[in-house]
N, C-alpha and C. Protein backbone atom coordinates (compact mmCIF):
# COMPACT_ATOMS: atom_id res chain seq x y z
N MET A 1 135.46 -191.54 -13.02
CA MET A 1 136.31 -190.38 -12.24
C MET A 1 136.25 -189.21 -12.74
N SER A 2 135.97 -187.98 -11.98
CA SER A 2 136.01 -186.65 -12.46
C SER A 2 136.97 -185.91 -11.96
N LEU A 3 137.33 -184.94 -12.77
CA LEU A 3 138.54 -184.18 -12.42
C LEU A 3 137.84 -182.59 -12.10
N ARG A 4 138.42 -181.93 -10.94
CA ARG A 4 138.08 -180.78 -10.78
C ARG A 4 139.31 -179.90 -10.77
N PRO A 5 139.18 -178.58 -11.15
CA PRO A 5 140.32 -177.63 -11.05
C PRO A 5 140.51 -177.44 -9.53
N PRO A 6 141.88 -176.92 -9.24
CA PRO A 6 141.97 -176.60 -7.83
C PRO A 6 140.99 -175.46 -7.42
N SER A 7 140.74 -175.26 -6.19
CA SER A 7 139.82 -174.43 -5.72
C SER A 7 140.33 -173.06 -5.92
N HIS A 8 141.52 -172.69 -5.71
CA HIS A 8 141.94 -171.47 -5.88
C HIS A 8 141.85 -170.91 -7.40
N LEU A 9 141.79 -171.74 -8.33
CA LEU A 9 141.60 -171.41 -9.82
C LEU A 9 140.09 -171.33 -10.14
N ALA A 10 139.25 -171.95 -9.29
CA ALA A 10 137.80 -171.69 -9.66
C ALA A 10 137.40 -170.43 -9.00
N ASP A 11 137.91 -170.01 -7.94
CA ASP A 11 137.61 -168.73 -7.27
C ASP A 11 138.12 -167.69 -8.17
N ALA A 12 139.27 -167.70 -8.75
CA ALA A 12 139.73 -166.63 -9.59
C ALA A 12 138.84 -166.47 -10.92
N SER A 13 138.46 -167.63 -11.59
CA SER A 13 137.64 -167.39 -12.70
C SER A 13 136.45 -166.70 -12.37
N ALA A 14 135.68 -166.94 -11.13
CA ALA A 14 134.40 -166.33 -11.03
C ALA A 14 134.78 -164.95 -10.71
N ALA A 15 135.89 -164.45 -10.11
CA ALA A 15 136.21 -163.06 -9.72
C ALA A 15 136.56 -162.44 -11.28
N GLU A 16 137.28 -163.14 -12.16
CA GLU A 16 137.31 -162.67 -13.54
C GLU A 16 136.11 -162.38 -14.22
N ALA A 17 135.22 -163.22 -14.10
CA ALA A 17 133.91 -163.15 -14.75
C ALA A 17 133.14 -161.98 -14.05
N ALA A 18 133.21 -161.77 -12.79
CA ALA A 18 132.52 -160.39 -12.27
C ALA A 18 133.23 -159.33 -12.64
N PHE A 19 134.55 -159.32 -12.51
CA PHE A 19 135.14 -158.03 -13.13
C PHE A 19 134.97 -157.80 -14.67
N ASP A 20 134.83 -158.87 -15.41
CA ASP A 20 134.53 -158.59 -16.98
C ASP A 20 133.09 -158.00 -16.99
N ALA A 21 132.19 -158.59 -16.37
CA ALA A 21 130.80 -158.15 -16.33
C ALA A 21 130.96 -156.41 -15.90
N LEU A 22 131.52 -156.27 -14.91
CA LEU A 22 131.54 -154.84 -14.43
C LEU A 22 132.37 -153.92 -15.45
N GLY A 23 133.47 -154.40 -16.00
CA GLY A 23 134.22 -153.77 -17.19
C GLY A 23 133.43 -153.34 -18.27
N HIS A 24 132.52 -154.24 -18.50
CA HIS A 24 131.76 -154.29 -19.84
C HIS A 24 130.53 -153.23 -19.30
N GLU A 25 129.95 -153.15 -18.08
CA GLU A 25 128.95 -152.22 -18.02
C GLU A 25 129.57 -150.77 -17.85
N ILE A 26 130.76 -150.71 -17.46
CA ILE A 26 131.50 -149.33 -17.48
C ILE A 26 131.74 -148.83 -18.72
N LEU A 27 132.25 -149.63 -19.65
CA LEU A 27 132.35 -149.37 -21.00
C LEU A 27 130.86 -148.74 -21.76
N ALA A 28 130.02 -149.65 -21.44
CA ALA A 28 128.59 -149.31 -22.00
C ALA A 28 128.21 -147.82 -21.50
N GLU A 29 128.59 -147.82 -20.20
CA GLU A 29 128.25 -146.23 -19.68
C GLU A 29 129.00 -145.17 -20.32
N LYS A 30 130.36 -145.27 -20.37
CA LYS A 30 131.01 -144.47 -21.00
C LYS A 30 130.66 -144.14 -22.48
N ALA A 31 130.15 -145.09 -23.18
CA ALA A 31 129.53 -145.01 -24.67
C ALA A 31 128.52 -144.20 -24.57
N ALA A 32 127.54 -144.57 -23.72
CA ALA A 32 126.32 -143.97 -23.58
C ALA A 32 126.53 -142.33 -23.12
N ALA A 33 127.35 -142.07 -22.28
CA ALA A 33 127.68 -140.86 -21.87
C ALA A 33 128.39 -139.96 -23.02
N LEU A 34 128.97 -140.59 -23.84
CA LEU A 34 129.64 -140.00 -25.01
C LEU A 34 128.77 -139.69 -26.07
N GLY A 35 127.67 -140.45 -26.27
CA GLY A 35 126.54 -140.10 -27.08
C GLY A 35 125.58 -138.92 -26.50
N ARG A 36 125.44 -139.04 -25.35
CA ARG A 36 124.56 -137.83 -24.59
C ARG A 36 125.39 -136.59 -24.74
N ALA A 37 126.77 -136.49 -24.58
CA ALA A 37 127.48 -135.41 -24.62
C ALA A 37 127.62 -134.86 -26.27
N GLY A 38 127.57 -135.89 -27.05
CA GLY A 38 127.67 -135.34 -28.49
C GLY A 38 126.42 -134.78 -28.81
N GLN A 39 125.24 -135.31 -28.35
CA GLN A 39 123.94 -134.81 -28.74
C GLN A 39 123.84 -133.28 -28.23
N ARG A 40 124.35 -133.10 -26.96
CA ARG A 40 124.38 -131.51 -26.41
C ARG A 40 125.03 -130.92 -27.28
N VAL A 41 126.31 -131.27 -27.73
CA VAL A 41 126.98 -130.61 -28.74
C VAL A 41 126.16 -129.89 -29.81
N GLU A 42 125.67 -130.93 -30.38
CA GLU A 42 124.86 -130.76 -31.73
C GLU A 42 123.68 -129.64 -31.36
N GLU A 43 123.10 -129.89 -30.14
CA GLU A 43 122.03 -129.10 -29.90
C GLU A 43 122.44 -127.55 -29.72
N THR A 44 123.49 -127.35 -28.78
CA THR A 44 124.13 -126.04 -28.61
C THR A 44 124.62 -125.39 -29.87
N LEU A 45 125.27 -126.19 -30.80
CA LEU A 45 125.91 -125.58 -31.96
C LEU A 45 124.64 -125.23 -32.91
N ALA A 46 123.56 -126.13 -32.89
CA ALA A 46 122.30 -125.48 -33.59
C ALA A 46 121.91 -124.23 -33.20
N ARG A 47 121.67 -124.08 -31.83
CA ARG A 47 121.17 -123.05 -31.24
C ARG A 47 122.08 -121.83 -31.68
N LEU A 48 123.26 -121.96 -31.56
CA LEU A 48 124.22 -120.75 -32.07
C LEU A 48 124.17 -120.57 -33.39
N SER A 49 123.94 -121.28 -34.26
CA SER A 49 124.02 -120.97 -35.58
C SER A 49 122.57 -120.42 -35.97
N ASP A 50 121.65 -120.93 -35.39
CA ASP A 50 120.21 -120.25 -35.88
C ASP A 50 119.84 -118.92 -35.09
N ASN A 51 120.47 -118.53 -34.06
CA ASN A 51 120.37 -117.31 -33.46
C ASN A 51 121.08 -116.23 -34.15
N ALA A 52 120.35 -115.14 -34.56
CA ALA A 52 121.16 -114.01 -35.08
C ALA A 52 120.97 -112.81 -34.12
N ASP A 53 120.68 -113.02 -32.81
CA ASP A 53 120.76 -111.95 -31.92
C ASP A 53 121.98 -111.80 -31.38
N GLU A 54 122.49 -110.63 -31.54
CA GLU A 54 123.73 -110.42 -31.04
C GLU A 54 124.19 -110.26 -29.41
N GLU A 55 123.06 -110.00 -28.87
CA GLU A 55 122.87 -109.87 -27.33
C GLU A 55 122.98 -111.37 -26.67
N MET A 56 122.38 -112.31 -27.44
CA MET A 56 122.32 -113.88 -26.90
C MET A 56 123.81 -114.50 -27.57
N ARG A 57 124.49 -113.96 -28.35
CA ARG A 57 125.49 -114.64 -28.83
C ARG A 57 126.74 -115.06 -27.66
N PRO A 58 126.90 -114.09 -26.75
CA PRO A 58 127.83 -114.55 -25.85
C PRO A 58 127.40 -115.61 -25.05
N ARG A 59 126.29 -115.74 -24.50
CA ARG A 59 125.76 -116.83 -23.78
C ARG A 59 125.69 -118.00 -24.62
N LEU A 60 125.37 -118.07 -25.76
CA LEU A 60 125.31 -119.14 -26.69
C LEU A 60 126.67 -119.76 -26.88
N LEU A 61 127.62 -118.81 -27.21
CA LEU A 61 129.06 -119.47 -27.42
C LEU A 61 129.45 -120.05 -26.11
N LYS A 62 129.33 -119.38 -24.93
CA LYS A 62 129.43 -120.01 -23.58
C LYS A 62 128.85 -121.42 -23.46
N GLU A 63 127.66 -121.58 -23.71
CA GLU A 63 126.93 -122.95 -23.68
C GLU A 63 127.74 -123.87 -24.59
N ALA A 64 127.89 -123.50 -25.91
CA ALA A 64 128.48 -124.44 -26.72
C ALA A 64 130.00 -124.90 -26.40
N ALA A 65 130.80 -123.76 -25.79
CA ALA A 65 132.04 -124.26 -25.45
C ALA A 65 132.08 -125.06 -24.31
N THR A 66 131.12 -124.99 -23.47
CA THR A 66 130.77 -125.77 -22.30
C THR A 66 130.54 -127.26 -22.74
N ALA A 67 129.55 -127.14 -23.73
CA ALA A 67 129.32 -128.62 -24.16
C ALA A 67 130.40 -129.32 -24.94
N VAL A 68 131.03 -128.50 -25.64
CA VAL A 68 132.34 -129.05 -26.55
C VAL A 68 133.41 -129.61 -25.57
N HIS A 69 133.55 -128.75 -24.61
CA HIS A 69 134.49 -129.01 -23.58
C HIS A 69 134.27 -130.40 -22.81
N ALA A 70 133.07 -130.63 -22.31
CA ALA A 70 132.56 -131.85 -21.74
C ALA A 70 132.69 -133.05 -22.82
N TYR A 71 132.47 -132.88 -24.03
CA TYR A 71 132.41 -133.99 -25.11
C TYR A 71 133.86 -134.38 -25.33
N PHE A 72 135.08 -133.38 -25.24
CA PHE A 72 136.26 -133.75 -25.33
C PHE A 72 136.68 -134.44 -24.20
N ILE A 73 136.25 -134.08 -23.08
CA ILE A 73 136.73 -134.86 -21.79
C ILE A 73 136.18 -136.27 -21.88
N GLN A 74 134.86 -136.35 -22.23
CA GLN A 74 134.32 -137.78 -22.30
C GLN A 74 135.02 -138.48 -23.38
N ARG A 75 135.27 -137.88 -24.54
CA ARG A 75 136.07 -138.61 -25.55
C ARG A 75 137.53 -139.10 -24.97
N GLU A 76 138.26 -138.26 -24.23
CA GLU A 76 139.60 -138.58 -23.65
C GLU A 76 139.38 -139.79 -22.73
N LEU A 77 138.32 -139.92 -21.80
CA LEU A 77 137.91 -140.97 -20.99
C LEU A 77 137.84 -142.12 -21.66
N CYS A 78 137.24 -141.87 -22.88
CA CYS A 78 137.01 -143.31 -23.94
C CYS A 78 138.19 -143.83 -24.49
N GLY A 79 139.31 -142.97 -24.29
CA GLY A 79 140.63 -143.26 -25.03
C GLY A 79 140.89 -142.52 -26.43
N LEU A 80 139.79 -141.64 -26.68
CA LEU A 80 139.88 -141.11 -27.93
C LEU A 80 140.72 -139.70 -27.67
N ARG A 81 141.92 -139.59 -28.02
CA ARG A 81 142.66 -138.47 -27.74
C ARG A 81 142.57 -137.30 -28.84
N ARG A 82 142.45 -137.51 -30.05
CA ARG A 82 142.52 -136.63 -31.24
C ARG A 82 141.06 -136.20 -31.42
N HIS A 83 141.04 -134.91 -31.79
CA HIS A 83 139.77 -134.25 -31.89
C HIS A 83 139.55 -133.53 -33.23
N GLU A 84 140.69 -133.61 -34.02
CA GLU A 84 140.61 -133.03 -35.30
C GLU A 84 139.35 -133.22 -36.25
N ALA A 85 139.18 -134.63 -36.30
CA ALA A 85 138.00 -135.13 -37.10
C ALA A 85 136.57 -134.84 -36.45
N VAL A 86 136.56 -134.82 -35.22
CA VAL A 86 135.23 -134.30 -34.60
C VAL A 86 135.08 -132.95 -34.96
N ILE A 87 135.96 -131.99 -34.81
CA ILE A 87 135.81 -130.58 -35.12
C ILE A 87 135.37 -130.48 -36.22
N ARG A 88 135.97 -131.18 -37.36
CA ARG A 88 135.17 -131.19 -38.59
C ARG A 88 134.02 -131.51 -38.85
N GLU A 89 133.85 -132.71 -38.25
CA GLU A 89 132.40 -133.52 -38.62
C GLU A 89 131.27 -132.69 -37.88
N TYR A 90 131.37 -132.16 -36.72
CA TYR A 90 130.49 -131.27 -36.02
C TYR A 90 130.39 -129.73 -36.63
N GLY A 91 131.59 -129.32 -37.23
CA GLY A 91 131.60 -128.07 -37.89
C GLY A 91 131.77 -127.00 -36.63
N ILE A 92 132.47 -127.36 -35.63
CA ILE A 92 132.61 -126.54 -34.44
C ILE A 92 133.29 -125.16 -34.77
N PRO A 93 132.69 -124.06 -34.55
CA PRO A 93 133.16 -122.81 -35.17
C PRO A 93 134.55 -122.39 -34.27
N LYS A 94 135.35 -121.60 -34.70
CA LYS A 94 136.54 -121.29 -34.08
C LYS A 94 136.38 -120.37 -33.21
N ALA A 95 135.08 -119.79 -33.04
CA ALA A 95 134.84 -118.77 -31.87
C ALA A 95 134.53 -119.71 -30.62
N VAL A 96 134.14 -120.76 -30.94
CA VAL A 96 133.99 -121.94 -29.71
C VAL A 96 135.29 -122.50 -29.42
N LEU A 97 136.11 -122.79 -30.32
CA LEU A 97 137.29 -123.52 -30.06
C LEU A 97 138.21 -122.55 -29.26
N VAL A 98 138.12 -121.11 -29.62
CA VAL A 98 139.13 -120.02 -28.94
C VAL A 98 138.62 -120.08 -27.55
N ARG A 99 137.23 -120.18 -27.05
CA ARG A 99 136.94 -120.18 -25.67
C ARG A 99 137.57 -121.32 -25.07
N LEU A 100 137.92 -122.40 -25.88
CA LEU A 100 138.60 -123.51 -25.11
C LEU A 100 140.03 -123.56 -25.00
N GLY A 101 140.63 -122.52 -25.73
CA GLY A 101 141.95 -122.43 -25.74
C GLY A 101 142.67 -123.26 -26.87
N ALA A 102 141.89 -123.88 -27.69
CA ALA A 102 142.40 -124.69 -28.73
C ALA A 102 142.96 -123.93 -29.84
N MET A 103 142.73 -122.87 -30.08
CA MET A 103 143.29 -121.98 -31.27
C MET A 103 144.25 -121.12 -30.98
């Protein structure tokens, strides 16, 4: 004699498994997007620090501020609310943070 779980429990398990797979895929995409946003921050900050041309500086500051803002938003979507350590790690200049209204 074999036992089977009630049919309403079997359907719930399949739905939960599908939801877990979807949740896992969403988390993976959030992490990948966070990585891409962090890479863009690194690139824009490098261009800002490497460029000595005063005429280009406002445009480079704007690009860096936009990249940092997008990165902060992506971090918050991942549940990471505090940005102080990231600001130190990336060495985000105050001129960029001022454009975000952070200072």
